[in-house]
């Protein structure tokens, strides 16, 4: 229909029947807005109406956000109980914190597959793109593992979980990770790694029966210690980063709760974990991106031009160590916060006992990606990184039966193959991870 303007809009369909209505309209508008006071009232009415709408919209948005993240309710409790259901004789019911994280997702799957009951907990923070955690969550959901979205500092939520499920074990993997990020957001490390740990320990202390606890410390606690390989009996009082300091504090705190309240506690010092579904802030992940994009790979060197080296440990080996720690953990000896007898307290290194230099790692990636890297060699800045990590794993071998079997050559090959599988798979479980990889690896410079 053609567009008409002005008075043509009022033209009748029959000639001779037209009556000009413009003067009538002008008189009506004049009556409404003749006085200044009337105009003021109209303006005030419009302001109030707009403000009311915006307030209502804000209320709706806030309510929706609250309701979507709220825990509790009959349906929520059903999901928790169903996920915690044990499917094997003498199986465990395990609360896994950080379940949507790299190690947490793998450990949860391993436990579920053998018949243990698993309830996950994760706050889905934005330290790295939450899309990756949501993809892991979808993977866990497909195996009937329910992840509660919440913060480990939420005392009421933890109390509710322990009220619903009599957890036999807690696998505490939730933490603020990363050495360098502590320089940008130090409070997040105190909130998660210290306050969150204490809140969880309080919930475990008050539970009846008390669960046995396995938690993730870090090889970073060895800090500036130059004696290698690192042994559990070595000094750990010279942290090189805030992250390391919070993990060292965690070891002291857990020892206190073990001593006073009879909690059975096992601490695991992880050494540079890598593999499929890994964290994008890790070197192997960012190096893969830069090599594919043709961008320089920054390789740090320590004092006297010494190459940095890491005891890279493949995720499957770490999972075996975590599961073995649960299997060998003795029961807590307290009840309702009261200690009856001494309880088990252990710390183990989980590494690969064969450090590899960073340039060697880059060379392995070049081989599997079939593309040369542009290397930028720079001196290591004072950001908390240490030049060398090397695990003495004899204690873990003796007490846990821990035997890493995947070297870096094989592990990175598996990582690259998994990445390619997800990028080109039509499997819905890989969709979220595929989208993340595509955006991460191939985003424009």
Protein backbone atom coordinates (compact mmCIF):
# COMPACT_ATOMS: atom_id res chain seq x y z
CA UNK A 1 0.00 0.00 0.00
CA UNK A 2 1.50 3.38 -0.97
CA UNK A 3 2.52 5.68 1.84
CA UNK A 4 0.46 8.87 2.20
CA UNK A 5 1.40 12.05 4.03
CA UNK A 6 -0.33 15.07 5.58
CA UNK A 7 -4.01 15.61 4.88
CA UNK A 8 -4.02 13.11 2.02
CA UNK A 9 -4.46 10.51 4.74
CA UNK A 10 -8.02 11.78 5.33
CA UNK A 11 -9.17 11.72 1.69
CA UNK A 12 -12.47 9.79 1.39
CA UNK A 13 -13.05 6.97 -1.10
CA UNK A 14 -16.03 8.89 -2.55
CA UNK A 15 -15.54 12.37 -4.12
CA UNK A 16 -17.66 15.15 -2.59
CA UNK A 17 -17.85 13.52 0.85
CA UNK A 18 -14.61 15.00 2.22
CA UNK A 19 -14.70 17.04 5.44
CA UNK A 20 -11.53 18.71 6.74
CA UNK A 21 -10.84 17.41 10.27
CA UNK A 22 -7.49 19.14 10.82
CA UNK A 23 -9.02 22.16 12.62
CA UNK A 24 -10.88 19.86 15.01
CA UNK A 25 -7.68 18.03 15.87
CA UNK A 26 -5.84 21.29 16.44
CA UNK A 27 -8.52 22.47 18.85
CA UNK A 28 -8.34 19.22 20.82
CA UNK A 29 -4.55 19.40 21.17
CA UNK A 30 -4.80 23.06 22.12
CA UNK A 31 -7.22 22.27 24.97
CA UNK A 32 -4.89 19.55 26.34
CA UNK A 33 -1.69 21.59 26.27
CA UNK A 34 -2.94 25.17 26.56
CA UNK A 35 -1.60 25.79 30.06
CA UNK A 36 1.93 25.31 31.37
CA UNK A 37 0.64 23.42 34.40
CA UNK A 38 -1.10 20.87 32.19
CA UNK A 39 2.08 20.30 30.21
CA UNK A 40 4.02 19.85 33.45
CA UNK A 41 1.52 17.25 34.67
CA UNK A 42 1.77 15.37 31.41
CA UNK A 43 5.58 15.38 31.59
CA UNK A 44 5.50 14.23 35.20
CA UNK A 45 3.12 11.44 34.29
CA UNK A 46 5.44 10.24 31.52
CA UNK A 47 8.46 10.31 33.85
CA UNK A 48 6.63 8.33 36.52
CA UNK A 49 5.38 5.84 33.94
CA UNK A 50 8.89 5.33 32.52
CA UNK A 51 10.47 4.97 35.96
CA UNK A 52 7.82 2.46 36.99
CA UNK A 53 8.43 0.38 33.89
CA UNK A 54 12.20 0.38 34.38
CA UNK A 55 11.84 -0.57 38.05
CA UNK A 56 9.48 -3.39 37.18
CA UNK A 57 11.82 -4.65 34.46
CA UNK A 58 14.76 -4.56 36.87
CA UNK A 59 12.71 -6.50 39.41
CA UNK A 60 11.78 -9.12 36.82
CA UNK A 61 15.40 -9.49 35.69
CA UNK A 62 16.66 -9.76 39.27
CA UNK A 63 13.96 -12.25 40.18
CA UNK A 64 14.70 -14.37 37.13
CA UNK A 65 18.41 -14.37 37.93
CA UNK A 66 17.70 -15.29 41.54
CA UNK A 67 15.30 -18.06 40.66
CA UNK A 68 17.62 -19.53 38.03
CA UNK A 69 20.55 -19.71 40.45
CA UNK A 70 18.59 -20.62 43.57
CA UNK A 71 19.04 -24.04 45.16
CA UNK A 72 16.51 -26.03 47.12
CA UNK A 73 13.02 -27.30 46.50
CA UNK A 74 11.54 -30.74 45.97
CA UNK A 75 12.77 -31.17 42.39
CA UNK A 76 16.27 -30.00 43.30
CA UNK A 77 16.44 -32.48 46.18
CA UNK A 78 15.29 -35.29 43.89
CA UNK A 79 18.10 -34.49 41.47
CA UNK A 80 20.66 -34.47 44.28
CA UNK A 81 19.47 -37.82 45.67
CA UNK A 82 19.32 -39.46 42.24
CA UNK A 83 22.83 -38.30 41.38
CA UNK A 84 24.17 -39.50 44.75
CA UNK A 85 22.66 -42.98 44.36
CA UNK A 86 25.31 -45.72 44.65
CA UNK A 87 25.30 -48.46 42.00
CA UNK A 88 27.96 -50.83 43.33
CA UNK A 89 28.49 -52.83 46.48
CA UNK A 90 30.42 -50.88 49.12
CA UNK A 91 30.42 -47.88 46.82
CA UNK A 92 31.02 -44.28 47.85
CA UNK A 93 28.79 -41.23 47.87
CA UNK A 94 31.10 -38.37 46.92
CA UNK A 95 30.65 -34.62 46.88
CA UNK A 96 32.96 -33.28 44.15
CA UNK A 97 33.57 -29.54 44.36
CA UNK A 98 34.76 -27.86 41.18
CA UNK A 99 33.01 -30.66 39.28
CA UNK A 100 32.71 -28.63 36.08
CA UNK A 101 36.43 -27.90 36.14
CA UNK A 102 39.11 -29.78 34.23
CA UNK A 103 40.16 -32.31 36.88
CA UNK A 104 36.75 -32.32 38.58
CA UNK A 105 34.89 -33.41 35.45
CA UNK A 106 37.31 -36.27 34.74
CA UNK A 107 37.28 -37.51 38.34
CA UNK A 108 33.47 -37.33 38.50
CA UNK A 109 33.14 -39.42 35.34
CA UNK A 110 35.62 -42.04 36.56
CA UNK A 111 33.80 -42.45 39.87
CA UNK A 112 30.36 -42.55 38.26
CA UNK A 113 31.43 -45.15 35.71
CA UNK A 114 32.49 -47.55 38.43
CA UNK A 115 29.20 -47.13 40.30
CA UNK A 116 29.82 -44.49 42.93
CA UNK A 117 27.22 -41.82 43.70
CA UNK A 118 28.38 -38.34 42.69
CA UNK A 119 27.02 -34.87 43.41
CA UNK A 120 28.92 -32.03 41.80
CA UNK A 121 29.27 -28.43 42.95
CA UNK A 122 30.59 -25.54 40.86
CA UNK A 123 30.10 -21.76 40.77
CA UNK A 124 30.83 -21.45 37.01
CA UNK A 125 32.91 -18.31 37.49
CA UNK A 126 34.41 -16.41 34.57
CA UNK A 127 38.12 -16.91 35.25
CA UNK A 128 38.01 -18.47 31.80
CA UNK A 129 35.08 -18.65 29.38
CA UNK A 130 32.20 -20.40 31.24
CA UNK A 131 31.18 -21.98 27.92
CA UNK A 132 33.87 -24.58 28.50
CA UNK A 133 32.53 -25.44 31.96
CA UNK A 134 28.99 -25.64 30.58
CA UNK A 135 30.23 -28.08 27.93
CA UNK A 136 31.77 -30.24 30.66
CA UNK A 137 28.51 -29.98 32.61
CA UNK A 138 26.61 -31.31 29.58
CA UNK A 139 29.03 -34.22 29.42
CA UNK A 140 28.43 -35.01 33.11
CA UNK A 141 24.66 -34.63 32.73
CA UNK A 142 24.72 -37.27 30.00
CA UNK A 143 26.11 -39.65 32.63
CA UNK A 144 23.44 -38.68 35.17
CA UNK A 145 25.76 -36.54 37.28
CA UNK A 146 23.99 -33.51 38.72
CA UNK A 147 26.02 -30.34 39.33
CA UNK A 148 24.70 -27.91 41.92
CA UNK A 149 25.42 -24.35 40.82
CA UNK A 150 26.63 -22.58 43.92
CA UNK A 151 29.59 -21.23 45.87
CA UNK A 152 31.58 -23.38 48.27
CA UNK A 153 31.36 -20.44 50.71
CA UNK A 154 27.57 -20.88 50.99
CA UNK A 155 27.19 -22.44 54.44
CA UNK A 156 23.42 -23.00 54.18
CA UNK A 157 23.71 -24.75 50.83
CA UNK A 158 26.45 -27.07 52.08
CA UNK A 159 24.46 -27.86 55.22
CA UNK A 160 21.46 -28.71 53.03
CA UNK A 161 23.54 -31.01 50.82
CA UNK A 162 24.93 -32.88 53.83
CA UNK A 163 21.41 -33.11 55.24
CA UNK A 164 20.12 -34.72 52.02
CA UNK A 165 23.08 -37.06 51.41
CA UNK A 166 25.30 -38.83 53.95
CA UNK A 167 28.48 -38.33 51.92
CA UNK A 168 31.18 -40.88 52.65
CA UNK A 169 33.84 -38.80 50.88
CA UNK A 170 34.49 -35.27 49.66
CA UNK A 171 36.75 -34.62 46.68
CA UNK A 172 37.56 -30.92 47.02
CA UNK A 173 38.87 -29.60 43.71
CA UNK A 174 37.22 -26.16 43.66
CA UNK A 175 39.81 -23.38 43.75
CA UNK A 176 40.91 -20.19 42.09
CA UNK A 177 43.61 -21.46 39.77
CA UNK A 178 46.47 -19.72 37.98
CA UNK A 179 49.69 -18.16 39.21
CA UNK A 180 49.70 -14.92 37.21
CA UNK A 181 46.03 -14.01 37.69
CA UNK A 182 46.73 -13.43 41.40
CA UNK A 183 48.41 -10.17 40.45
CA UNK A 184 45.12 -8.96 38.94
CA UNK A 185 42.56 -10.34 41.40
CA UNK A 186 44.16 -11.39 44.70
CA UNK A 187 40.87 -11.38 46.62
CA UNK A 188 39.49 -14.21 44.50
CA UNK A 189 42.27 -16.48 45.80
CA UNK A 190 41.53 -15.69 49.43
CA UNK A 191 37.79 -16.12 48.84
CA UNK A 192 38.04 -19.50 47.11
CA UNK A 193 41.24 -21.13 48.33
CA UNK A 194 41.14 -20.13 51.99
CA UNK A 195 37.65 -18.98 53.00
CA UNK A 196 35.98 -21.57 50.77
CA UNK A 197 38.16 -24.34 52.16
CA UNK A 198 37.35 -23.38 55.75
CA UNK A 199 33.61 -23.24 54.99
CA UNK A 200 33.74 -26.73 53.48
CA UNK A 201 35.77 -28.13 56.37
CA UNK A 202 33.24 -26.70 58.82
CA UNK A 203 30.44 -28.49 56.96
CA UNK A 204 32.42 -31.75 57.01
CA UNK A 205 33.28 -31.32 60.69
CA UNK A 206 29.62 -30.88 61.64
CA UNK A 207 28.38 -33.76 59.48
CA UNK A 208 27.42 -37.02 61.16
CA UNK A 209 29.03 -39.22 59.99
CA UNK A 210 32.00 -37.13 58.94
CA UNK A 211 33.27 -37.80 55.41
CA UNK A 212 36.88 -38.52 54.49
CA UNK A 213 38.35 -35.61 52.52
CA UNK A 214 40.71 -35.60 49.54
CA UNK A 215 41.65 -32.16 48.25
CA UNK A 216 43.85 -30.55 45.62
CA UNK A 217 46.91 -28.73 46.87
CA UNK A 218 49.57 -27.83 44.31
CA UNK A 219 53.19 -28.35 43.35
CA UNK A 220 53.41 -24.55 43.62
CA UNK A 221 53.84 -24.90 47.39
CA UNK A 222 57.49 -25.85 46.77
CA UNK A 223 58.02 -22.25 45.66
CA UNK A 224 61.63 -21.14 45.62
CA UNK A 225 62.91 -24.52 46.83
CA UNK A 226 65.85 -25.44 44.59
CA UNK A 227 66.23 -29.03 45.76
CA UNK A 228 64.90 -31.44 43.13
CA UNK A 229 63.07 -33.69 42.73
CA UNK A 230 60.52 -32.19 45.11
CA UNK A 231 59.62 -34.47 47.99
CA UNK A 232 56.70 -34.18 50.41
CA UNK A 233 59.20 -33.74 53.25
CA UNK A 234 60.87 -30.69 51.63
CA UNK A 235 60.46 -27.12 52.84
CA UNK A 236 57.37 -25.33 51.59
CA UNK A 237 57.71 -22.04 53.43
CA UNK A 238 58.98 -19.92 50.51
CA UNK A 239 56.00 -19.42 48.17
CA UNK A 240 56.72 -17.59 44.93
CA UNK A 241 53.12 -16.50 44.28
CA UNK A 242 49.90 -15.70 46.11
CA UNK A 243 48.35 -18.81 44.59
CA UNK A 244 51.11 -20.92 46.13
CA UNK A 245 50.69 -19.12 49.47
CA UNK A 246 46.95 -19.90 49.57
CA UNK A 247 47.62 -23.57 48.81
CA UNK A 248 50.28 -23.71 51.52
CA UNK A 249 47.79 -22.07 53.90
CA UNK A 250 45.28 -24.73 52.89
CA UNK A 251 47.71 -27.47 53.94
CA UNK A 252 48.14 -25.88 57.36
CA UNK A 253 44.39 -25.37 57.76
CA UNK A 254 43.54 -28.95 56.81
CA UNK A 255 46.14 -30.24 59.26
CA UNK A 256 44.46 -28.19 62.00
CA UNK A 257 41.02 -29.64 61.25
CA UNK A 258 42.51 -33.11 61.16
CA UNK A 259 44.17 -32.60 64.54
CA UNK A 260 41.25 -30.94 66.35
CA UNK A 261 38.17 -32.54 64.78
CA UNK A 262 39.36 -35.95 63.59
CA UNK A 263 38.77 -35.36 59.88
CA UNK A 264 40.54 -37.85 57.62
CA UNK A 265 42.38 -35.66 55.10
CA UNK A 266 44.56 -36.38 52.06
CA UNK A 267 46.23 -33.52 50.18
CA UNK A 268 47.39 -33.96 46.58
CA UNK A 269 50.09 -31.78 45.06
CA UNK A 270 49.32 -31.76 41.33
CA UNK A 271 52.13 -31.18 38.82
CA UNK A 272 51.05 -29.31 35.63
CA UNK A 273 48.01 -31.31 34.58
CA UNK A 274 47.13 -31.34 30.86
CA UNK A 275 44.87 -33.16 28.41
CA UNK A 276 41.43 -33.13 26.73
CA UNK A 277 38.86 -30.73 28.20
CA UNK A 278 41.78 -28.81 29.69
CA UNK A 279 42.07 -25.26 30.96
CA UNK A 280 42.79 -22.59 28.32
CA UNK A 281 45.16 -20.66 30.59
CA UNK A 282 47.66 -23.53 30.48
CA UNK A 283 50.69 -23.15 28.22
CA UNK A 284 50.00 -26.14 25.95
CA UNK A 285 46.52 -24.77 25.21
CA UNK A 286 47.58 -21.20 24.40
CA UNK A 287 50.59 -22.46 22.43
CA UNK A 288 48.25 -24.57 20.28
CA UNK A 289 46.14 -21.51 19.55
CA UNK A 290 49.12 -19.35 18.61
CA UNK A 291 50.69 -21.99 16.38
CA UNK A 292 47.41 -22.49 14.49
CA UNK A 293 46.96 -18.73 14.12
CA UNK A 294 50.55 -18.18 13.03
CA UNK A 295 51.20 -15.94 16.03
CA UNK A 296 54.43 -15.99 18.06
CA UNK A 297 54.74 -18.41 20.97
CA UNK A 298 56.30 -16.72 23.99
CA UNK A 299 58.86 -19.04 25.56
CA UNK A 300 60.24 -17.89 28.90
CA UNK A 301 63.77 -18.61 30.09
CA UNK A 302 65.13 -18.43 33.60
CA UNK A 303 68.41 -17.14 34.98
CA UNK A 304 71.52 -17.76 32.90
CA UNK A 305 69.36 -18.55 29.86
CA UNK A 306 68.14 -21.81 31.40
CA UNK A 307 64.99 -23.23 29.80
CA UNK A 308 61.92 -23.62 32.00
CA UNK A 309 60.88 -27.22 32.60
CA UNK A 310 57.70 -28.78 33.94
CA UNK A 311 56.68 -32.21 35.18
CA UNK A 312 53.71 -32.42 32.79
CA UNK A 313 51.16 -34.96 34.07
CA UNK A 314 48.43 -36.35 31.84
CA UNK A 315 44.88 -36.08 33.16
CA UNK A 316 44.22 -39.85 33.17
CA UNK A 317 47.18 -40.38 35.50
CA UNK A 318 45.95 -37.63 37.82
CA UNK A 319 42.50 -39.24 37.92
CA UNK A 320 44.03 -42.58 38.91
CA UNK A 321 45.82 -40.87 41.77
CA UNK A 322 42.66 -39.10 42.92
CA UNK A 323 40.59 -42.28 42.87
CA UNK A 324 43.32 -44.25 44.66
CA UNK A 325 43.40 -41.55 47.34
CA UNK A 326 39.68 -42.02 47.92
CA UNK A 327 40.01 -45.79 47.97
CA UNK A 328 42.80 -45.75 50.56
CA UNK A 329 41.40 -42.97 52.74
CA UNK A 330 40.49 -44.09 56.23
CA UNK A 331 37.31 -42.95 57.92
CA UNK A 332 37.17 -39.73 59.88
CA UNK A 333 37.19 -40.27 63.62
CA UNK A 334 35.00 -37.38 64.75
CA UNK A 335 31.27 -37.15 65.16
CA UNK A 336 29.29 -33.92 65.01
CA UNK A 337 32.45 -31.86 65.43
CA UNK A 338 33.94 -33.91 68.28
CA UNK A 339 37.15 -35.89 67.82
CA UNK A 340 37.28 -39.40 69.29
CA UNK A 341 40.75 -40.54 68.16
CA UNK A 342 43.61 -39.50 65.85
CA UNK A 343 42.71 -39.46 62.18
CA UNK A 344 44.63 -40.09 58.97
CA UNK A 345 46.53 -37.13 57.46
CA UNK A 346 48.54 -37.53 54.22
CA UNK A 347 50.11 -35.45 51.45
CA UNK A 348 51.23 -36.88 48.09
CA UNK A 349 52.92 -35.62 44.95
CA UNK A 350 51.07 -36.55 41.77
CA UNK A 351 53.49 -35.93 38.93
CA UNK A 352 55.08 -37.74 36.01
CA UNK A 353 58.68 -37.93 37.37
CA UNK A 354 60.12 -36.83 34.01
CA UNK A 355 60.32 -33.03 33.51
CA UNK A 356 60.26 -31.69 29.95
CA UNK A 357 61.52 -28.26 28.90
CA UNK A 358 59.07 -25.79 27.39
CA UNK A 359 60.92 -25.66 24.02
CA UNK A 360 60.65 -29.46 23.84
CA UNK A 361 56.91 -29.20 24.47
CA UNK A 362 56.59 -26.67 21.64
CA UNK A 363 58.45 -29.07 19.35
CA UNK A 364 56.01 -31.87 20.17
CA UNK A 365 53.06 -29.60 19.41
CA UNK A 366 54.64 -28.59 16.08
CA UNK A 367 54.91 -32.25 15.15
CA UNK A 368 51.28 -33.12 15.97
CA UNK A 369 49.83 -29.89 14.54
CA UNK A 370 52.07 -30.21 11.46
CA UNK A 371 52.91 -26.54 11.60
CA UNK A 372 56.00 -24.63 12.65
CA UNK A 373 55.81 -22.25 15.60
CA UNK A 374 57.11 -18.69 15.61
CA UNK A 375 59.06 -18.52 18.86
CA UNK A 376 59.68 -15.42 20.92
CA UNK A 377 62.30 -16.13 23.60
CA UNK A 378 62.11 -13.77 26.59
CA UNK A 379 63.40 -13.67 30.14
CA UNK A 380 60.97 -14.91 32.76
CA UNK A 381 59.20 -11.96 34.43
CA UNK A 382 58.68 -11.76 38.17
CA UNK A 383 55.08 -12.95 38.05
CA UNK A 384 55.26 -15.90 40.43
CA UNK A 385 56.29 -18.62 37.98
CA UNK A 386 59.06 -20.98 39.06
CA UNK A 387 61.73 -22.21 36.61
CA UNK A 388 61.55 -25.93 37.31
CA UNK A 389 59.22 -28.57 38.74
CA UNK A 390 60.07 -32.21 39.28
CA UNK A 391 58.06 -34.62 41.43
CA UNK A 392 59.38 -37.36 43.66
CA UNK A 393 56.40 -39.74 43.53
CA UNK A 394 57.79 -42.61 45.58
CA UNK A 395 55.31 -42.07 48.44
CA UNK A 396 52.34 -42.09 46.07
CA UNK A 397 53.68 -45.20 44.38
CA UNK A 398 54.04 -47.00 47.70
CA UNK A 399 50.79 -45.99 49.39
CA UNK A 400 48.46 -45.39 46.45
CA UNK A 401 49.88 -47.68 43.80
CA UNK A 402 50.26 -44.56 41.65
CA UNK A 403 52.08 -45.27 38.38
CA UNK A 404 51.86 -42.61 35.64
CA UNK A 405 51.91 -44.21 32.21
CA UNK A 406 51.49 -41.34 29.73
CA UNK A 407 54.52 -39.35 28.56
CA UNK A 408 54.19 -35.86 27.06
CA UNK A 409 54.60 -37.09 23.48
CA UNK A 410 51.62 -39.43 23.84
CA UNK A 411 49.58 -37.05 25.96
CA UNK A 412 49.80 -34.09 23.59
CA UNK A 413 48.97 -36.38 20.68
CA UNK A 414 45.77 -37.37 22.51
CA UNK A 415 44.99 -33.71 23.21
CA UNK A 416 45.37 -32.69 19.56
CA UNK A 417 43.29 -35.66 18.36
CA UNK A 418 40.55 -34.87 20.87
CA UNK A 419 40.54 -31.25 19.81
CA UNK A 420 40.14 -32.26 16.16
CA UNK A 421 37.40 -34.76 17.08
CA UNK A 422 35.40 -32.09 18.89
CA UNK A 423 35.90 -29.47 16.20
CA UNK A 424 34.49 -31.73 13.51
CA UNK A 425 32.14 -33.95 15.53
CA UNK A 426 28.36 -33.83 15.21
CA UNK A 427 28.06 -35.38 18.67
CA UNK A 428 25.98 -33.01 20.81
CA UNK A 429 28.21 -33.69 23.82
CA UNK A 430 31.09 -32.08 21.95
CA UNK A 431 29.06 -29.12 20.74
CA UNK A 432 29.81 -26.74 23.59
CA UNK A 433 33.48 -27.66 23.60
CA UNK A 434 33.62 -27.39 19.81
CA UNK A 435 32.15 -23.89 19.88
CA UNK A 436 34.62 -22.92 22.56
CA UNK A 437 37.59 -24.31 20.66
CA UNK A 438 36.50 -22.60 17.48
CA UNK A 439 36.18 -19.25 19.22
CA UNK A 440 39.39 -19.72 21.19
CA UNK A 441 41.68 -21.21 18.59
CA UNK A 442 40.46 -19.33 15.54
CA UNK A 443 39.35 -15.95 16.83
CA UNK A 444 40.75 -13.11 14.71
CA UNK A 445 43.84 -11.32 16.01
